[in-house]
Amino acid sequence: MTNKLKEYFPMIRTRKEILEYIEVRPELQEVFESWREERQDELDAWLTFISCDEPERMIELMEKYLQFKAIYQNLYDMCLNVEGVMEQLER
């Protein structure tokens, strides 16, 4: 499935692209490897959350990381409030 978010936000990198970016930069690789596995998993979850448009994967993330559910709910509510979004864009 093509990542539709990338169509609208071309600057968004995929999880794979970011991990490759980290891998070829020794200073970033050193920091990443110094993290405990849980912290690496959390970074991976964030990268997936901000670049994924697969509903099944989003549900998995929200079940595992409760903070994503609140963020996603806020974004969802904002999308339902078209007038509010239009007002914010006019500012």
N, C-alpha and C. Protein backbone atom coordinates (compact mmCIF):
# COMPACT_ATOMS: atom_id res chain seq x y z
N MET A 1 0.84 -1.19 0.00
CA MET A 1 0.00 0.00 0.00
C MET A 1 0.88 1.25 0.00
N THR A 2 0.60 2.13 -0.89
CA THR A 2 1.33 3.39 -0.96
C THR A 2 0.97 4.25 0.24
N ASN A 3 1.95 4.92 0.79
CA ASN A 3 1.71 5.79 1.92
C ASN A 3 1.09 7.08 1.40
N LYS A 4 -0.19 7.24 1.62
CA LYS A 4 -0.91 8.41 1.11
C LYS A 4 -0.49 9.70 1.81
N LEU A 5 -0.05 9.59 3.04
CA LEU A 5 0.42 10.79 3.73
C LEU A 5 1.57 11.44 2.98
N LYS A 6 2.43 10.62 2.40
CA LYS A 6 3.59 11.13 1.68
C LYS A 6 3.18 11.93 0.45
N GLU A 7 2.02 11.62 -0.11
CA GLU A 7 1.51 12.39 -1.24
C GLU A 7 1.24 13.83 -0.84
N TYR A 8 0.74 14.02 0.37
CA TYR A 8 0.39 15.36 0.85
C TYR A 8 1.54 16.03 1.60
N PHE A 9 2.37 15.22 2.21
CA PHE A 9 3.49 15.73 2.99
C PHE A 9 4.77 15.02 2.53
N PRO A 10 5.33 15.44 1.40
CA PRO A 10 6.48 14.73 0.84
C PRO A 10 7.71 14.73 1.74
N MET A 11 7.76 15.65 2.71
CA MET A 11 8.92 15.70 3.58
C MET A 11 8.90 14.60 4.65
N ILE A 12 7.77 13.92 4.81
CA ILE A 12 7.69 12.83 5.77
C ILE A 12 8.53 11.67 5.27
N ARG A 13 9.40 11.19 6.13
CA ARG A 13 10.22 10.04 5.78
C ARG A 13 9.57 8.79 6.35
N THR A 14 9.82 7.69 5.70
CA THR A 14 9.31 6.42 6.21
C THR A 14 10.18 5.96 7.37
N ARG A 15 9.68 5.03 8.13
CA ARG A 15 10.42 4.44 9.23
C ARG A 15 11.76 3.90 8.71
N LYS A 16 11.70 3.20 7.59
CA LYS A 16 12.90 2.61 6.99
C LYS A 16 13.92 3.69 6.62
N GLU A 17 13.46 4.78 6.02
CA GLU A 17 14.36 5.87 5.62
C GLU A 17 15.06 6.49 6.83
N ILE A 18 14.32 6.68 7.91
CA ILE A 18 14.91 7.29 9.10
C ILE A 18 15.93 6.35 9.75
N LEU A 19 15.58 5.07 9.82
CA LEU A 19 16.53 4.12 10.40
C LEU A 19 17.78 3.99 9.54
N GLU A 20 17.63 4.07 8.23
CA GLU A 20 18.80 4.07 7.34
C GLU A 20 19.64 5.33 7.55
N TYR A 21 18.98 6.47 7.74
CA TYR A 21 19.66 7.74 8.01
C TYR A 21 20.50 7.63 9.28
N ILE A 22 19.92 7.03 10.30
CA ILE A 22 20.64 6.85 11.57
C ILE A 22 21.83 5.91 11.37
N GLU A 23 21.61 4.86 10.62
CA GLU A 23 22.63 3.83 10.43
C GLU A 23 23.91 4.35 9.76
N VAL A 24 23.79 5.28 8.84
CA VAL A 24 24.98 5.77 8.12
C VAL A 24 25.65 6.95 8.80
N ARG A 25 25.14 7.38 9.93
CA ARG A 25 25.77 8.47 10.68
C ARG A 25 26.25 7.92 12.03
N PRO A 26 27.56 7.76 12.15
CA PRO A 26 28.11 7.13 13.36
C PRO A 26 27.64 7.77 14.67
N GLU A 27 27.54 9.10 14.69
CA GLU A 27 27.13 9.75 15.94
C GLU A 27 25.69 9.41 16.32
N LEU A 28 24.82 9.31 15.33
CA LEU A 28 23.43 8.93 15.60
C LEU A 28 23.32 7.44 15.92
N GLN A 29 24.08 6.63 15.21
CA GLN A 29 24.06 5.19 15.46
C GLN A 29 24.53 4.88 16.88
N GLU A 30 25.55 5.62 17.33
CA GLU A 30 26.06 5.42 18.69
C GLU A 30 25.00 5.74 19.73
N VAL A 31 24.31 6.85 19.55
CA VAL A 31 23.25 7.23 20.48
C VAL A 31 22.13 6.18 20.45
N PHE A 32 21.71 5.81 19.25
CA PHE A 32 20.62 4.85 19.10
C PHE A 32 20.97 3.52 19.77
N GLU A 33 22.19 3.06 19.56
CA GLU A 33 22.60 1.78 20.14
C GLU A 33 22.78 1.85 21.65
N SER A 34 23.01 3.05 22.18
CA SER A 34 23.17 3.19 23.63
C SER A 34 21.82 3.11 24.36
N TRP A 35 20.74 3.27 23.62
CA TRP A 35 19.40 3.19 24.23
C TRP A 35 19.05 1.76 24.55
N ARG A 36 18.28 1.62 25.60
CA ARG A 36 17.73 0.30 25.92
C ARG A 36 16.75 -0.10 24.81
N GLU A 37 16.48 -1.36 24.73
CA GLU A 37 15.60 -1.88 23.68
C GLU A 37 14.21 -1.25 23.74
N GLU A 38 13.70 -0.97 24.95
CA GLU A 38 12.37 -0.36 25.07
C GLU A 38 12.35 1.02 24.42
N ARG A 39 13.43 1.77 24.60
CA ARG A 39 13.49 3.12 24.03
C ARG A 39 13.60 3.05 22.51
N GLN A 40 14.35 2.08 22.00
CA GLN A 40 14.44 1.88 20.56
C GLN A 40 13.07 1.52 19.99
N ASP A 41 12.36 0.66 20.71
CA ASP A 41 11.01 0.27 20.29
C ASP A 41 10.07 1.47 20.27
N GLU A 42 10.22 2.35 21.27
CA GLU A 42 9.36 3.53 21.32
C GLU A 42 9.65 4.48 20.16
N LEU A 43 10.92 4.67 19.83
CA LEU A 43 11.26 5.49 18.66
C LEU A 43 10.66 4.87 17.40
N ASP A 44 10.80 3.57 17.27
CA ASP A 44 10.23 2.87 16.12
C ASP A 44 8.71 3.08 16.06
N ALA A 45 8.06 3.04 17.22
CA ALA A 45 6.61 3.26 17.26
C ALA A 45 6.26 4.68 16.82
N TRP A 46 7.01 5.67 17.30
CA TRP A 46 6.76 7.07 16.90
C TRP A 46 6.96 7.25 15.40
N LEU A 47 8.03 6.67 14.86
CA LEU A 47 8.29 6.79 13.43
C LEU A 47 7.15 6.17 12.62
N THR A 48 6.66 5.06 13.09
CA THR A 48 5.54 4.41 12.41
C THR A 48 4.29 5.25 12.55
N PHE A 49 4.04 5.77 13.73
CA PHE A 49 2.82 6.55 14.00
C PHE A 49 2.73 7.78 13.10
N ILE A 50 3.85 8.47 12.91
CA ILE A 50 3.79 9.71 12.13
C ILE A 50 3.85 9.48 10.63
N SER A 51 4.16 8.25 10.21
CA SER A 51 4.28 8.03 8.76
C SER A 51 3.35 6.95 8.22
N CYS A 52 2.54 6.37 9.06
CA CYS A 52 1.72 5.23 8.65
C CYS A 52 0.30 5.67 8.31
N ASP A 53 -0.25 5.06 7.28
CA ASP A 53 -1.67 5.29 6.98
C ASP A 53 -2.43 3.97 6.87
N GLU A 54 -1.92 2.94 7.54
CA GLU A 54 -2.57 1.64 7.56
C GLU A 54 -3.39 1.52 8.85
N PRO A 55 -4.70 1.47 8.76
CA PRO A 55 -5.55 1.43 9.96
C PRO A 55 -5.19 0.29 10.92
N GLU A 56 -4.89 -0.88 10.39
CA GLU A 56 -4.58 -2.02 11.26
C GLU A 56 -3.33 -1.74 12.10
N ARG A 57 -2.33 -1.15 11.48
CA ARG A 57 -1.08 -0.84 12.19
C ARG A 57 -1.31 0.25 13.22
N MET A 58 -2.13 1.24 12.88
CA MET A 58 -2.43 2.31 13.83
C MET A 58 -3.13 1.74 15.07
N ILE A 59 -4.05 0.82 14.85
CA ILE A 59 -4.75 0.20 15.99
C ILE A 59 -3.77 -0.55 16.88
N GLU A 60 -2.85 -1.30 16.27
CA GLU A 60 -1.82 -2.00 17.05
C GLU A 60 -1.02 -1.03 17.91
N LEU A 61 -0.61 0.08 17.31
CA LEU A 61 0.17 1.07 18.05
C LEU A 61 -0.62 1.67 19.20
N MET A 62 -1.88 2.00 18.95
CA MET A 62 -2.70 2.62 20.00
C MET A 62 -2.99 1.65 21.13
N GLU A 63 -3.04 0.36 20.84
CA GLU A 63 -3.25 -0.62 21.90
C GLU A 63 -1.99 -0.79 22.75
N LYS A 64 -0.84 -0.70 22.11
CA LYS A 64 0.42 -0.89 22.83
C LYS A 64 0.89 0.39 23.53
N TYR A 65 0.70 1.53 22.88
CA TYR A 65 1.15 2.83 23.42
C TYR A 65 -0.07 3.72 23.58
N LEU A 66 -0.56 3.81 24.79
CA LEU A 66 -1.81 4.53 25.05
C LEU A 66 -1.74 6.01 24.70
N GLN A 67 -0.56 6.62 24.77
CA GLN A 67 -0.45 8.04 24.43
C GLN A 67 -0.82 8.30 22.97
N PHE A 68 -0.62 7.33 22.10
CA PHE A 68 -0.97 7.50 20.70
C PHE A 68 -2.49 7.57 20.51
N LYS A 69 -3.21 6.88 21.36
CA LYS A 69 -4.67 6.91 21.24
C LYS A 69 -5.18 8.33 21.49
N ALA A 70 -4.66 8.99 22.49
CA ALA A 70 -5.08 10.37 22.80
C ALA A 70 -4.70 11.31 21.66
N ILE A 71 -3.51 11.16 21.13
CA ILE A 71 -3.07 12.02 20.02
C ILE A 71 -3.95 11.78 18.80
N TYR A 72 -4.16 10.51 18.49
CA TYR A 72 -4.97 10.16 17.32
C TYR A 72 -6.40 10.68 17.48
N GLN A 73 -6.95 10.56 18.70
CA GLN A 73 -8.31 11.03 18.97
C GLN A 73 -8.40 12.54 18.74
N ASN A 74 -7.39 13.28 19.21
CA ASN A 74 -7.37 14.73 18.99
C ASN A 74 -7.33 15.07 17.51
N LEU A 75 -6.49 14.37 16.76
CA LEU A 75 -6.41 14.60 15.31
C LEU A 75 -7.73 14.26 14.63
N TYR A 76 -8.32 13.15 15.03
CA TYR A 76 -9.59 12.71 14.46
C TYR A 76 -10.69 13.75 14.74
N ASP A 77 -10.76 14.21 16.00
CA ASP A 77 -11.76 15.21 16.37
C ASP A 77 -11.55 16.50 15.58
N MET A 78 -10.30 16.87 15.40
CA MET A 78 -10.00 18.08 14.64
C MET A 78 -10.47 17.93 13.19
N CYS A 79 -10.26 16.76 12.62
CA CYS A 79 -10.70 16.53 11.23
C CYS A 79 -12.22 16.58 11.10
N LEU A 80 -12.92 16.19 12.14
CA LEU A 80 -14.39 16.23 12.10
C LEU A 80 -14.92 17.66 12.22
N ASN A 81 -14.12 18.54 12.80
CA ASN A 81 -14.53 19.92 13.02
C ASN A 81 -13.99 20.79 11.87
N VAL A 82 -14.60 20.69 10.73
CA VAL A 82 -14.13 21.39 9.54
C VAL A 82 -14.10 22.90 9.77
N GLU A 83 -15.14 23.45 10.39
CA GLU A 83 -15.18 24.89 10.63
C GLU A 83 -14.01 25.34 11.49
N GLY A 84 -13.71 24.56 12.53
CA GLY A 84 -12.61 24.91 13.42
C GLY A 84 -11.27 24.88 12.70
N VAL A 85 -11.09 23.89 11.85
CA VAL A 85 -9.85 23.80 11.07
C VAL A 85 -9.74 24.98 10.12
N MET A 86 -10.85 25.32 9.47
CA MET A 86 -10.83 26.46 8.55
C MET A 86 -10.50 27.76 9.27
N GLU A 87 -11.05 27.93 10.47
CA GLU A 87 -10.74 29.12 11.27
C GLU A 87 -9.25 29.18 11.60
N GLN A 88 -8.69 28.06 11.97
CA GLN A 88 -7.26 28.03 12.32
C GLN A 88 -6.40 28.33 11.11
N LEU A 89 -6.79 27.86 9.95
CA LEU A 89 -6.01 28.10 8.74
C LEU A 89 -6.10 29.55 8.30
N GLU A 90 -7.16 30.24 8.67
CA GLU A 90 -7.32 31.65 8.29
C GLU A 90 -6.44 32.57 9.13
N ARG A 91 -5.96 32.11 10.25
CA ARG A 91 -5.15 32.96 11.14
C ARG A 91 -3.80 33.23 10.59
